[in-house]
Amino acid sequence: MGIGGVNIWQLLILLLVIVLVFGTNKLRTIGADLGNAIKGFRHAMRETDEAPATTEKKTKSAEANVDEASHVIEGQVDPKNTSKT
């Protein structure tokens, strides 16, 4: 008896049936798609791990911009001195 009551010969027969049904090209395509999906998942997980650090930097820079923008200069435009330079 093998893994879970399945021996090596039963696994080989199952593999042979799968290859006959799907073909080697289709199995290769499925394997490549599965690999790309796993890479994409890992990449997304890395981005979410790095995201809090970048949002913290953006928040600090946004606060600095608000402080600079809060200074309002009021005045009056003199129409005589509105020449384009």
PDB file of N, CA and C in Angstrom:
ATOM      1  N   MET A   1       0.834  -1.180   0.000  1.00  0.00           N
ATOM      2  CA  MET A   1       0.000   0.000   0.000  1.00  0.00           C
ATOM      3  C   MET A   1       0.880   1.245   0.000  1.00  0.00           C
ATOM      4  N   GLY A   2       0.490   2.221  -0.739  1.00  0.00           N
ATOM      5  CA  GLY A   2       1.250   3.456  -0.834  1.00  0.00           C
ATOM      6  C   GLY A   2       0.567   4.569  -0.059  1.00  0.00           C
ATOM      7  N   ILE A   3       0.628   5.726  -0.615  1.00  0.00           N
ATOM      8  CA  ILE A   3       0.071   6.923   0.019  1.00  0.00           C
ATOM      9  C   ILE A   3      -1.462   6.854  -0.029  1.00  0.00           C
ATOM     10  N   GLY A   4      -2.082   6.858   1.114  1.00  0.00           N
ATOM     11  CA  GLY A   4      -3.539   6.872   1.181  1.00  0.00           C
ATOM     12  C   GLY A   4      -4.194   5.669   0.540  1.00  0.00           C
ATOM     13  N   GLY A   5      -3.536   4.551   0.515  1.00  0.00           N
ATOM     14  CA  GLY A   5      -4.111   3.347  -0.060  1.00  0.00           C
ATOM     15  C   GLY A   5      -3.940   3.249  -1.567  1.00  0.00           C
ATOM     16  N   VAL A   6      -3.137   4.147  -2.164  1.00  0.00           N
ATOM     17  CA  VAL A   6      -2.907   4.140  -3.607  1.00  0.00           C
ATOM     18  C   VAL A   6      -1.455   3.758  -3.832  1.00  0.00           C
ATOM     19  N   ASN A   7      -1.235   2.704  -4.641  1.00  0.00           N
ATOM     20  CA  ASN A   7       0.156   2.310  -4.886  1.00  0.00           C
ATOM     21  C   ASN A   7       0.696   2.988  -6.139  1.00  0.00           C
ATOM     22  N   ILE A   8       1.961   2.762  -6.423  1.00  0.00           N
ATOM     23  CA  ILE A   8       2.654   3.440  -7.522  1.00  0.00           C
ATOM     24  C   ILE A   8       2.059   3.085  -8.887  1.00  0.00           C
ATOM     25  N   TRP A   9       1.591   1.849  -9.065  1.00  0.00           N
ATOM     26  CA  TRP A   9       1.039   1.434 -10.353  1.00  0.00           C
ATOM     27  C   TRP A   9      -0.278   2.145 -10.638  1.00  0.00           C
ATOM     28  N   GLN A  10      -1.081   2.332  -9.633  1.00  0.00           N
ATOM     29  CA  GLN A  10      -2.339   3.056  -9.823  1.00  0.00           C
ATOM     30  C   GLN A  10      -2.074   4.518 -10.184  1.00  0.00           C
ATOM     31  N   LEU A  11      -1.050   5.118  -9.563  1.00  0.00           N
ATOM     32  CA  LEU A  11      -0.692   6.495  -9.899  1.00  0.00           C
ATOM     33  C   LEU A  11      -0.187   6.612 -11.334  1.00  0.00           C
ATOM     34  N   LEU A  12       0.612   5.631 -11.777  1.00  0.00           N
ATOM     35  CA  LEU A  12       1.108   5.659 -13.156  1.00  0.00           C
ATOM     36  C   LEU A  12      -0.026   5.503 -14.168  1.00  0.00           C
ATOM     37  N   ILE A  13      -0.967   4.633 -13.881  1.00  0.00           N
ATOM     38  CA  ILE A  13      -2.123   4.457 -14.777  1.00  0.00           C
ATOM     39  C   ILE A  13      -2.944   5.744 -14.818  1.00  0.00           C
ATOM     40  N   LEU A  14      -3.138   6.364 -13.673  1.00  0.00           N
ATOM     41  CA  LEU A  14      -3.878   7.629 -13.626  1.00  0.00           C
ATOM     42  C   LEU A  14      -3.157   8.709 -14.431  1.00  0.00           C
ATOM     43  N   LEU A  15      -1.847   8.792 -14.306  1.00  0.00           N
ATOM     44  CA  LEU A  15      -1.058   9.750 -15.063  1.00  0.00           C
ATOM     45  C   LEU A  15      -1.165   9.501 -16.566  1.00  0.00           C
ATOM     46  N   LEU A  16      -1.122   8.234 -16.965  1.00  0.00           N
ATOM     47  CA  LEU A  16      -1.260   7.876 -18.377  1.00  0.00           C
ATOM     48  C   LEU A  16      -2.624   8.294 -18.920  1.00  0.00           C
ATOM     49  N   VAL A  17      -3.680   8.083 -18.169  1.00  0.00           N
ATOM     50  CA  VAL A  17      -5.031   8.473 -18.601  1.00  0.00           C
ATOM     51  C   VAL A  17      -5.121   9.994 -18.733  1.00  0.00           C
ATOM     52  N   ILE A  18      -4.534  10.712 -17.790  1.00  0.00           N
ATOM     53  CA  ILE A  18      -4.566  12.176 -17.854  1.00  0.00           C
ATOM     54  C   ILE A  18      -3.825  12.683 -19.085  1.00  0.00           C
ATOM     55  N   VAL A  19      -2.671  12.099 -19.387  1.00  0.00           N
ATOM     56  CA  VAL A  19      -1.906  12.503 -20.573  1.00  0.00           C
ATOM     57  C   VAL A  19      -2.684  12.185 -21.841  1.00  0.00           C
ATOM     58  N   LEU A  20      -3.352  11.043 -21.879  1.00  0.00           N
ATOM     59  CA  LEU A  20      -4.146  10.691 -23.065  1.00  0.00           C
ATOM     60  C   LEU A  20      -5.333  11.630 -23.246  1.00  0.00           C
ATOM     61  N   VAL A  21      -5.954  12.035 -22.159  1.00  0.00           N
ATOM     62  CA  VAL A  21      -7.138  12.893 -22.263  1.00  0.00           C
ATOM     63  C   VAL A  21      -6.743  14.312 -22.641  1.00  0.00           C
ATOM     64  N   PHE A  22      -5.773  14.891 -21.950  1.00  0.00           N
ATOM     65  CA  PHE A  22      -5.435  16.291 -22.172  1.00  0.00           C
ATOM     66  C   PHE A  22      -4.333  16.504 -23.192  1.00  0.00           C
ATOM     67  N   GLY A  23      -3.428  15.586 -23.344  1.00  0.00           N
ATOM     68  CA  GLY A  23      -2.295  15.764 -24.246  1.00  0.00           C
ATOM     69  C   GLY A  23      -1.174  16.505 -23.555  1.00  0.00           C
ATOM     70  N   THR A  24       0.034  16.310 -24.062  1.00  0.00           N
ATOM     71  CA  THR A  24       1.198  16.905 -23.405  1.00  0.00           C
ATOM     72  C   THR A  24       1.236  18.422 -23.562  1.00  0.00           C
ATOM     73  N   ASN A  25       0.798  18.935 -24.705  1.00  0.00           N
ATOM     74  CA  ASN A  25       0.825  20.389 -24.910  1.00  0.00           C
ATOM     75  C   ASN A  25      -0.121  21.096 -23.947  1.00  0.00           C
ATOM     76  N   LYS A  26      -1.292  20.539 -23.763  1.00  0.00           N
ATOM     77  CA  LYS A  26      -2.262  21.137 -22.846  1.00  0.00           C
ATOM     78  C   LYS A  26      -1.740  21.083 -21.410  1.00  0.00           C
ATOM     79  N   LEU A  27      -1.108  19.989 -21.019  1.00  0.00           N
ATOM     80  CA  LEU A  27      -0.550  19.878 -19.676  1.00  0.00           C
ATOM     81  C   LEU A  27       0.582  20.879 -19.474  1.00  0.00           C
ATOM     82  N   ARG A  28       1.397  21.094 -20.511  1.00  0.00           N
ATOM     83  CA  ARG A  28       2.470  22.079 -20.434  1.00  0.00           C
ATOM     84  C   ARG A  28       1.897  23.484 -20.255  1.00  0.00           C
ATOM     85  N   THR A  29       0.838  23.780 -20.986  1.00  0.00           N
ATOM     86  CA  THR A  29       0.190  25.086 -20.882  1.00  0.00           C
ATOM     87  C   THR A  29      -0.411  25.285 -19.497  1.00  0.00           C
ATOM     88  N   ILE A  30      -1.045  24.254 -18.974  1.00  0.00           N
ATOM     89  CA  ILE A  30      -1.632  24.340 -17.632  1.00  0.00           C
ATOM     90  C   ILE A  30      -0.539  24.556 -16.596  1.00  0.00           C
ATOM     91  N   GLY A  31       0.573  23.863 -16.732  1.00  0.00           N
ATOM     92  CA  GLY A  31       1.689  24.026 -15.800  1.00  0.00           C
ATOM     93  C   GLY A  31       2.272  25.434 -15.847  1.00  0.00           C
ATOM     94  N   ALA A  32       2.421  25.978 -17.066  1.00  0.00           N
ATOM     95  CA  ALA A  32       2.959  27.335 -17.212  1.00  0.00           C
ATOM     96  C   ALA A  32       1.993  28.359 -16.611  1.00  0.00           C
ATOM     97  N   ASP A  33       0.697  28.187 -16.855  1.00  0.00           N
ATOM     98  CA  ASP A  33      -0.299  29.097 -16.297  1.00  0.00           C
ATOM     99  C   ASP A  33      -0.309  29.045 -14.773  1.00  0.00           C
ATOM    100  N   LEU A  34      -0.187  27.849 -14.230  1.00  0.00           N
ATOM    101  CA  LEU A  34      -0.149  27.697 -12.777  1.00  0.00           C
ATOM    102  C   LEU A  34       1.096  28.366 -12.197  1.00  0.00           C
ATOM    103  N   GLY A  35       2.232  28.205 -12.856  1.00  0.00           N
ATOM    104  CA  GLY A  35       3.465  28.843 -12.408  1.00  0.00           C
ATOM    105  C   GLY A  35       3.366  30.362 -12.445  1.00  0.00           C
ATOM    106  N   ASN A  36       2.785  30.906 -13.520  1.00  0.00           N
ATOM    107  CA  ASN A  36       2.618  32.358 -13.617  1.00  0.00           C
ATOM    108  C   ASN A  36       1.657  32.876 -12.553  1.00  0.00           C
ATOM    109  N   ALA A  37       0.624  32.113 -12.250  1.00  0.00           N
ATOM    110  CA  ALA A  37      -0.319  32.523 -11.211  1.00  0.00           C
ATOM    111  C   ALA A  37       0.360  32.569  -9.847  1.00  0.00           C
ATOM    112  N   ILE A  38       1.214  31.598  -9.567  1.00  0.00           N
ATOM    113  CA  ILE A  38       1.924  31.573  -8.285  1.00  0.00           C
ATOM    114  C   ILE A  38       2.901  32.745  -8.203  1.00  0.00           C
ATOM    115  N   LYS A  39       3.615  33.043  -9.309  1.00  0.00           N
ATOM    116  CA  LYS A  39       4.530  34.189  -9.323  1.00  0.00           C
ATOM    117  C   LYS A  39       3.774  35.490  -9.107  1.00  0.00           C
ATOM    118  N   GLY A  40       2.621  35.637  -9.753  1.00  0.00           N
ATOM    119  CA  GLY A  40       1.811  36.843  -9.581  1.00  0.00           C
ATOM    120  C   GLY A  40       1.322  36.996  -8.157  1.00  0.00           C
ATOM    121  N   PHE A  41       0.931  35.886  -7.546  1.00  0.00           N
ATOM    122  CA  PHE A  41       0.474  35.917  -6.159  1.00  0.00           C
ATOM    123  C   PHE A  41       1.600  36.344  -5.232  1.00  0.00           C
ATOM    124  N   ARG A  42       2.789  35.790  -5.428  1.00  0.00           N
ATOM    125  CA  ARG A  42       3.930  36.157  -4.581  1.00  0.00           C
ATOM    126  C   ARG A  42       4.296  37.625  -4.757  1.00  0.00           C
ATOM    127  N   HIS A  43       4.235  38.103  -6.013  1.00  0.00           N
ATOM    128  CA  HIS A  43       4.545  39.501  -6.287  1.00  0.00           C
ATOM    129  C   HIS A  43       3.525  40.418  -5.597  1.00  0.00           C
ATOM    130  N   ALA A  44       2.268  40.048  -5.645  1.00  0.00           N
ATOM    131  CA  ALA A  44       1.223  40.848  -4.994  1.00  0.00           C
ATOM    132  C   ALA A  44       1.397  40.848  -3.487  1.00  0.00           C
ATOM    133  N   MET A  45       1.822  39.719  -2.920  1.00  0.00           N
ATOM    134  CA  MET A  45       2.036  39.656  -1.481  1.00  0.00           C
ATOM    135  C   MET A  45       3.209  40.552  -1.072  1.00  0.00           C
ATOM    136  N   ARG A  46       4.261  40.608  -1.894  1.00  0.00           N
ATOM    137  CA  ARG A  46       5.391  41.488  -1.595  1.00  0.00           C
ATOM    138  C   ARG A  46       4.974  42.952  -1.666  1.00  0.00           C
ATOM    139  N   GLU A  47       4.119  43.291  -2.642  1.00  0.00           N
ATOM    140  CA  GLU A  47       3.658  44.676  -2.775  1.00  0.00           C
ATOM    141  C   GLU A  47       2.828  45.091  -1.574  1.00  0.00           C
ATOM    142  N   THR A  48       1.986  44.198  -1.052  1.00  0.00           N
ATOM    143  CA  THR A  48       1.175  44.560   0.103  1.00  0.00           C
ATOM    144  C   THR A  48       2.035  44.691   1.348  1.00  0.00           C
ATOM    145  N   ASP A  49       3.140  43.946   1.438  1.00  0.00           N
ATOM    146  CA  ASP A  49       4.046  44.080   2.567  1.00  0.00           C
ATOM    147  C   ASP A  49       4.781  45.422   2.519  1.00  0.00           C
ATOM    148  N   GLU A  50       5.096  45.897   1.320  1.00  0.00           N
ATOM    149  CA  GLU A  50       5.816  47.154   1.160  1.00  0.00           C
ATOM    150  C   GLU A  50       4.884  48.353   1.161  1.00  0.00           C
ATOM    151  N   ALA A  51       3.598  48.167   0.952  1.00  0.00           N
ATOM    152  CA  ALA A  51       2.642  49.261   0.822  1.00  0.00           C
ATOM    153  C   ALA A  51       2.545  50.140   2.065  1.00  0.00           C
ATOM    154  N   PRO A  52       2.516  49.634   3.290  1.00  0.00           N
ATOM    155  CA  PRO A  52       2.407  50.534   4.440  1.00  0.00           C
ATOM    156  C   PRO A  52       3.560  51.524   4.539  1.00  0.00           C
ATOM    157  N   ALA A  53       4.756  51.139   4.177  1.00  0.00           N
ATOM    158  CA  ALA A  53       5.903  52.048   4.235  1.00  0.00           C
ATOM    159  C   ALA A  53       5.746  53.167   3.213  1.00  0.00           C
ATOM    160  N   THR A  54       5.283  52.870   2.014  1.00  0.00           N
ATOM    161  CA  THR A  54       5.143  53.900   0.990  1.00  0.00           C
ATOM    162  C   THR A  54       3.974  54.817   1.293  1.00  0.00           C
ATOM    163  N   THR A  55       2.882  54.305   1.846  1.00  0.00           N
ATOM    164  CA  THR A  55       1.761  55.172   2.176  1.00  0.00           C
ATOM    165  C   THR A  55       2.110  56.095   3.325  1.00  0.00           C
ATOM    166  N   GLU A  56       2.961  55.642   4.238  1.00  0.00           N
ATOM    167  CA  GLU A  56       3.397  56.500   5.338  1.00  0.00           C
ATOM    168  C   GLU A  56       4.213  57.671   4.801  1.00  0.00           C
ATOM    169  N   LYS A  57       5.075  57.417   3.821  1.00  0.00           N
ATOM    170  CA  LYS A  57       5.864  58.482   3.212  1.00  0.00           C
ATOM    171  C   LYS A  57       4.954  59.466   2.481  1.00  0.00           C
ATOM    172  N   LYS A  58       3.954  58.958   1.764  1.00  0.00           N
ATOM    173  CA  LYS A  58       3.027  59.822   1.038  1.00  0.00           C
ATOM    174  C   LYS A  58       2.234  60.683   2.005  1.00  0.00           C
ATOM    175  N   THR A  59       1.830  60.130   3.131  1.00  0.00           N
ATOM    176  CA  THR A  59       1.056  60.879   4.119  1.00  0.00           C
ATOM    177  C   THR A  59       1.887  62.025   4.672  1.00  0.00           C
ATOM    178  N   LYS A  60       3.162  61.772   4.990  1.00  0.00           N
ATOM    179  CA  LYS A  60       4.025  62.819   5.519  1.00  0.00           C
ATOM    180  C   LYS A  60       4.237  63.923   4.492  1.00  0.00           C
ATOM    181  N   SER A  61       4.433  63.565   3.217  1.00  0.00           N
ATOM    182  CA  SER A  61       4.635  64.587   2.196  1.00  0.00           C
ATOM    183  C   SER A  61       3.349  65.365   1.942  1.00  0.00           C
ATOM    184  N   ALA A  62       2.199  64.716   2.050  1.00  0.00           N
ATOM    185  CA  ALA A  62       0.929  65.411   1.876  1.00  0.00           C
ATOM    186  C   ALA A  62       0.708  66.401   3.009  1.00  0.00           C
ATOM    187  N   GLU A  63       1.076  66.029   4.230  1.00  0.00           N
ATOM    188  CA  GLU A  63       0.952  66.947   5.367  1.00  0.00           C
ATOM    189  C   GLU A  63       1.858  68.154   5.174  1.00  0.00           C
ATOM    190  N   ALA A  64       3.043  67.964   4.642  1.00  0.00           N
ATOM    191  CA  ALA A  64       3.965  69.067   4.397  1.00  0.00           C
ATOM    192  C   ALA A  64       3.374  70.005   3.345  1.00  0.00           C
ATOM    193  N   ASN A  65       2.744  69.451   2.308  1.00  0.00           N
ATOM    194  CA  ASN A  65       2.127  70.279   1.269  1.00  0.00           C
ATOM    195  C   ASN A  65       0.975  71.088   1.833  1.00  0.00           C
ATOM    196  N   VAL A  66       0.204  70.534   2.739  1.00  0.00           N
ATOM    197  CA  VAL A  66      -0.904  71.257   3.345  1.00  0.00           C
ATOM    198  C   VAL A  66      -0.372  72.425   4.167  1.00  0.00           C
ATOM    199  N   ASP A  67       0.705  72.212   4.909  1.00  0.00           N
ATOM    200  CA  ASP A  67       1.282  73.288   5.700  1.00  0.00           C
ATOM    201  C   ASP A  67       1.768  74.428   4.807  1.00  0.00           C
ATOM    202  N   GLU A  68       2.381  74.102   3.695  1.00  0.00           N
ATOM    203  CA  GLU A  68       2.860  75.127   2.780  1.00  0.00           C
ATOM    204  C   GLU A  68       1.708  75.840   2.091  1.00  0.00           C
ATOM    205  N   ALA A  69       0.646  75.117   1.755  1.00  0.00           N
ATOM    206  CA  ALA A  69      -0.479  75.697   1.040  1.00  0.00           C
ATOM    207  C   ALA A  69      -1.388  76.511   1.956  1.00  0.00           C
ATOM    208  N   SER A  70      -1.240  76.389   3.261  1.00  0.00           N
ATOM    209  CA  SER A  70      -2.132  77.100   4.164  1.00  0.00           C
ATOM    210  C   SER A  70      -1.773  78.579   4.299  1.00  0.00           C
ATOM    211  N   HIS A  71      -0.648  79.012   3.771  1.00  0.00           N
ATOM    212  CA  HIS A  71      -0.260  80.417   3.812  1.00  0.00           C
ATOM    213  C   HIS A  71      -0.919  81.137   2.643  1.00  0.00           C
ATOM    214  N   VAL A  72      -1.857  82.023   2.958  1.00  0.00           N
ATOM    215  CA  VAL A  72      -2.592  82.751   1.933  1.00  0.00           C
ATOM    216  C   VAL A  72      -2.088  84.192   1.922  1.00  0.00           C
ATOM    217  N   ILE A  73      -1.760  84.662   0.748  1.00  0.00           N
ATOM    218  CA  ILE A  73      -1.323  86.048   0.594  1.00  0.00           C
ATOM    219  C   ILE A  73      -2.446  86.802  -0.086  1.00  0.00           C
ATOM    220  N   GLU A  74      -2.960  87.791   0.621  1.00  0.00           N
ATOM    221  CA  GLU A  74      -4.036  88.594   0.056  1.00  0.00           C
ATOM    222  C   GLU A  74      -3.451  89.881  -0.480  1.00  0.00           C
ATOM    223  N   GLY A  75      -4.023  90.347  -1.536  1.00  0.00           N
ATOM    224  CA  GLY A  75      -3.534  91.593  -2.113  1.00  0.00           C
ATOM    225  C   GLY A  75      -4.467  92.084  -3.184  1.00  0.00           C
ATOM    226  N   GLN A  76      -4.066  93.160  -3.802  1.00  0.00           N
ATOM    227  CA  GLN A  76      -4.871  93.758  -4.850  1.00  0.00           C
ATOM    228  C   GLN A  76      -3.993  93.901  -6.081  1.00  0.00           C
ATOM    229  N   VAL A  77      -4.548  93.619  -7.241  1.00  0.00           N
ATOM    230  CA  VAL A  77      -3.801  93.717  -8.488  1.00  0.00           C
ATOM    231  C   VAL A  77      -3.968  95.115  -9.042  1.00  0.00           C
ATOM    232  N   ASP A  78      -2.841  95.726  -9.358  1.00  0.00           N
ATOM    233  CA  ASP A  78      -2.860  97.056  -9.947  1.00  0.00           C
ATOM    234  C   ASP A  78      -2.880  96.894 -11.457  1.00  0.00           C
ATOM    235  N   PRO A  79      -3.954  97.326 -12.136  1.00  0.00           N
ATOM    236  CA  PRO A  79      -4.040  97.109 -13.589  1.00  0.00           C
ATOM    237  C   PRO A  79      -2.951  97.815 -14.377  1.00  0.00           C
ATOM    238  N   LYS A  80      -2.348  98.845 -13.840  1.00  0.00           N
ATOM    239  CA  LYS A  80      -1.289  99.558 -14.560  1.00  0.00           C
ATOM    240  C   LYS A  80      -0.012  98.736 -14.653  1.00  0.00           C
ATOM    241  N   ASN A  81       0.238  97.864 -13.675  1.00  0.00           N
ATOM    242  CA  ASN A  81       1.483  97.124 -13.623  1.00  0.00           C
ATOM    243  C   ASN A  81       1.320  95.672 -14.068  1.00  0.00           C
ATOM    244  N   THR A  82       0.354  95.358 -14.892  1.00  0.00           N
ATOM    245  CA  THR A  82       0.124  93.957 -15.320  1.00  0.00           C
ATOM    246  C   THR A  82       0.732  93.738 -16.690  1.00  0.00           C
ATOM    247  N   SER A  83       1.996  93.994 -16.855  1.00  0.00           N
ATOM    248  CA  SER A  83       2.660  93.745 -18.135  1.00  0.00           C
ATOM    249  C   SER A  83       3.258  92.333 -18.116  1.00  0.00           C
ATOM    250  N   LYS A  84       3.251  91.733 -19.263  1.00  0.00           N
ATOM    251  CA  LYS A  84       3.825  90.386 -19.379  1.00  0.00           C
ATOM    252  C   LYS A  84       5.313  90.511 -19.575  1.00  0.00           C
ATOM    253  N   THR A  85       6.067  89.743 -18.819  1.00  0.00           N
ATOM    254  CA  THR A  85       7.523  89.788 -18.954  1.00  0.00           C
ATOM    255  C   THR A  85       8.054  88.497 -19.479  1.00  0.00           C
TER     256      THR A  85
END
